[in-house]
Amino acid sequence: MESTYYITNKNNQLLELINTIDYMATEATVEELDCIVRLKEELIAKDGIHVSPEQYNSIISILLKFVPTYIKEVS
């Protein structure tokens, strides 16, 4: 049985995530843009409900791409 999760709209968390994804899309490369747009469309279509573990991984992966290098290198 595959687990599903949801992103709560408490304190507008889903809206904040969508806005963050929109911001990242403005700074993304062409290769990254397709993944970002697809993820955003899936989240909106599902209204943040029944988010798969793969989608959570995509969210984390996309967000990590925009973390400055000097922060990533801190051990």
C-alpha atoms as a PDB file:
ATOM      1  CA  MET A   1       0.000   0.000   0.000  1.00  0.00           C
ATOM      2  CA  GLU A   2       1.488   3.317  -1.084  1.00  0.00           C
ATOM      3  CA  SER A   3       1.446   6.107   1.448  1.00  0.00           C
ATOM      4  CA  THR A   4      -0.058   9.441   0.585  1.00  0.00           C
ATOM      5  CA  TYR A   5       0.312  12.713   2.414  1.00  0.00           C
ATOM      6  CA  TYR A   6      -1.198  16.140   2.325  1.00  0.00           C
ATOM      7  CA  ILE A   7      -0.004  19.691   2.580  1.00  0.00           C
ATOM      8  CA  THR A   8      -2.183  21.534   5.001  1.00  0.00           C
ATOM      9  CA  ASN A   9      -3.647  24.888   4.139  1.00  0.00           C
ATOM     10  CA  LYS A  10      -3.324  25.928   7.765  1.00  0.00           C
ATOM     11  CA  ASN A  11      -1.535  29.282   7.778  1.00  0.00           C
ATOM     12  CA  ASN A  12      -1.697  29.191   3.960  1.00  0.00           C
ATOM     13  CA  GLN A  13       1.124  26.629   3.704  1.00  0.00           C
ATOM     14  CA  LEU A  14      -0.074  25.294   0.348  1.00  0.00           C
ATOM     15  CA  LEU A  15      -0.385  28.819  -1.032  1.00  0.00           C
ATOM     16  CA  GLU A  16       3.104  29.671   0.234  1.00  0.00           C
ATOM     17  CA  LEU A  17       4.508  26.563  -1.441  1.00  0.00           C
ATOM     18  CA  ILE A  18       2.803  27.440  -4.734  1.00  0.00           C
ATOM     19  CA  ASN A  19       4.141  31.006  -4.513  1.00  0.00           C
ATOM     20  CA  THR A  20       7.648  29.680  -3.792  1.00  0.00           C
ATOM     21  CA  ILE A  21       7.419  27.357  -6.779  1.00  0.00           C
ATOM     22  CA  ASP A  22       6.318  30.310  -8.944  1.00  0.00           C
ATOM     23  CA  TYR A  23       9.296  32.332  -7.747  1.00  0.00           C
ATOM     24  CA  MET A  24      11.701  29.493  -8.440  1.00  0.00           C
ATOM     25  CA  ALA A  25      10.257  29.091 -11.935  1.00  0.00           C
ATOM     26  CA  THR A  26      11.359  32.638 -12.748  1.00  0.00           C
ATOM     27  CA  GLU A  27      14.965  31.724 -11.910  1.00  0.00           C
ATOM     28  CA  ALA A  28      15.012  28.160 -13.238  1.00  0.00           C
ATOM     29  CA  THR A  29      16.805  26.866 -16.275  1.00  0.00           C
ATOM     30  CA  VAL A  30      14.797  25.452 -19.163  1.00  0.00           C
ATOM     31  CA  GLU A  31      15.527  21.902 -17.996  1.00  0.00           C
ATOM     32  CA  GLU A  32      14.325  22.632 -14.445  1.00  0.00           C
ATOM     33  CA  LEU A  33      11.265  24.569 -15.580  1.00  0.00           C
ATOM     34  CA  ASP A  34       9.417  21.544 -16.933  1.00  0.00           C
ATOM     35  CA  CYS A  35       9.731  19.686 -13.623  1.00  0.00           C
ATOM     36  CA  ILE A  36       8.717  22.764 -11.632  1.00  0.00           C
ATOM     37  CA  VAL A  37       5.644  23.481 -13.754  1.00  0.00           C
ATOM     38  CA  ARG A  38       4.526  19.833 -13.659  1.00  0.00           C
ATOM     39  CA  LEU A  39       4.886  19.703  -9.878  1.00  0.00           C
ATOM     40  CA  LYS A  40       2.918  22.930  -9.444  1.00  0.00           C
ATOM     41  CA  GLU A  41       0.111  21.681 -11.689  1.00  0.00           C
ATOM     42  CA  GLU A  42      -0.102  18.398  -9.779  1.00  0.00           C
ATOM     43  CA  LEU A  43      -0.260  20.161  -6.406  1.00  0.00           C
ATOM     44  CA  ILE A  44      -2.963  22.558  -7.590  1.00  0.00           C
ATOM     45  CA  ALA A  45      -4.998  19.761  -9.200  1.00  0.00           C
ATOM     46  CA  LYS A  46      -4.926  17.727  -5.991  1.00  0.00           C
ATOM     47  CA  ASP A  47      -5.304  20.801  -3.759  1.00  0.00           C
ATOM     48  CA  GLY A  48      -2.374  19.522  -1.712  1.00  0.00           C
ATOM     49  CA  ILE A  49      -4.193  16.274  -0.851  1.00  0.00           C
ATOM     50  CA  HIS A  50      -2.851  12.790  -1.665  1.00  0.00           C
ATOM     51  CA  VAL A  51       0.668  14.011  -2.306  1.00  0.00           C
ATOM     52  CA  SER A  52       2.848  11.027  -3.078  1.00  0.00           C
ATOM     53  CA  PRO A  53       6.248  10.442  -1.488  1.00  0.00           C
ATOM     54  CA  GLU A  54       7.776  11.021  -4.933  1.00  0.00           C
ATOM     55  CA  GLN A  55       6.142  14.450  -5.091  1.00  0.00           C
ATOM     56  CA  TYR A  56       7.503  15.306  -1.637  1.00  0.00           C
ATOM     57  CA  ASN A  57      10.939  14.271  -2.864  1.00  0.00           C
ATOM     58  CA  SER A  58      10.477  16.496  -5.919  1.00  0.00           C
ATOM     59  CA  ILE A  59       9.525  19.446  -3.726  1.00  0.00           C
ATOM     60  CA  ILE A  60      12.604  18.946  -1.554  1.00  0.00           C
ATOM     61  CA  SER A  61      14.869  18.442  -4.557  1.00  0.00           C
ATOM     62  CA  ILE A  62      13.617  21.589  -6.281  1.00  0.00           C
ATOM     63  CA  LEU A  63      13.947  23.651  -3.133  1.00  0.00           C
ATOM     64  CA  LEU A  64      17.493  22.411  -2.528  1.00  0.00           C
ATOM     65  CA  LYS A  65      18.557  23.559  -6.000  1.00  0.00           C
ATOM     66  CA  PHE A  66      17.955  27.126  -4.904  1.00  0.00           C
ATOM     67  CA  VAL A  67      19.898  26.970  -1.654  1.00  0.00           C
ATOM     68  CA  PRO A  68      23.102  28.998  -2.016  1.00  0.00           C
ATOM     69  CA  THR A  69      26.260  26.899  -2.399  1.00  0.00           C
ATOM     70  CA  TYR A  70      27.957  28.394   0.671  1.00  0.00           C
ATOM     71  CA  ILE A  71      25.094  27.141   2.827  1.00  0.00           C
ATOM     72  CA  LYS A  72      25.217  23.642   1.300  1.00  0.00           C
ATOM     73  CA  GLU A  73      28.945  23.386   1.996  1.00  0.00           C
ATOM     74  CA  VAL A  74      28.640  24.076   5.726  1.00  0.00           C
ATOM     75  CA  SER A  75      29.274  20.863   7.640  1.00  0.00           C
END
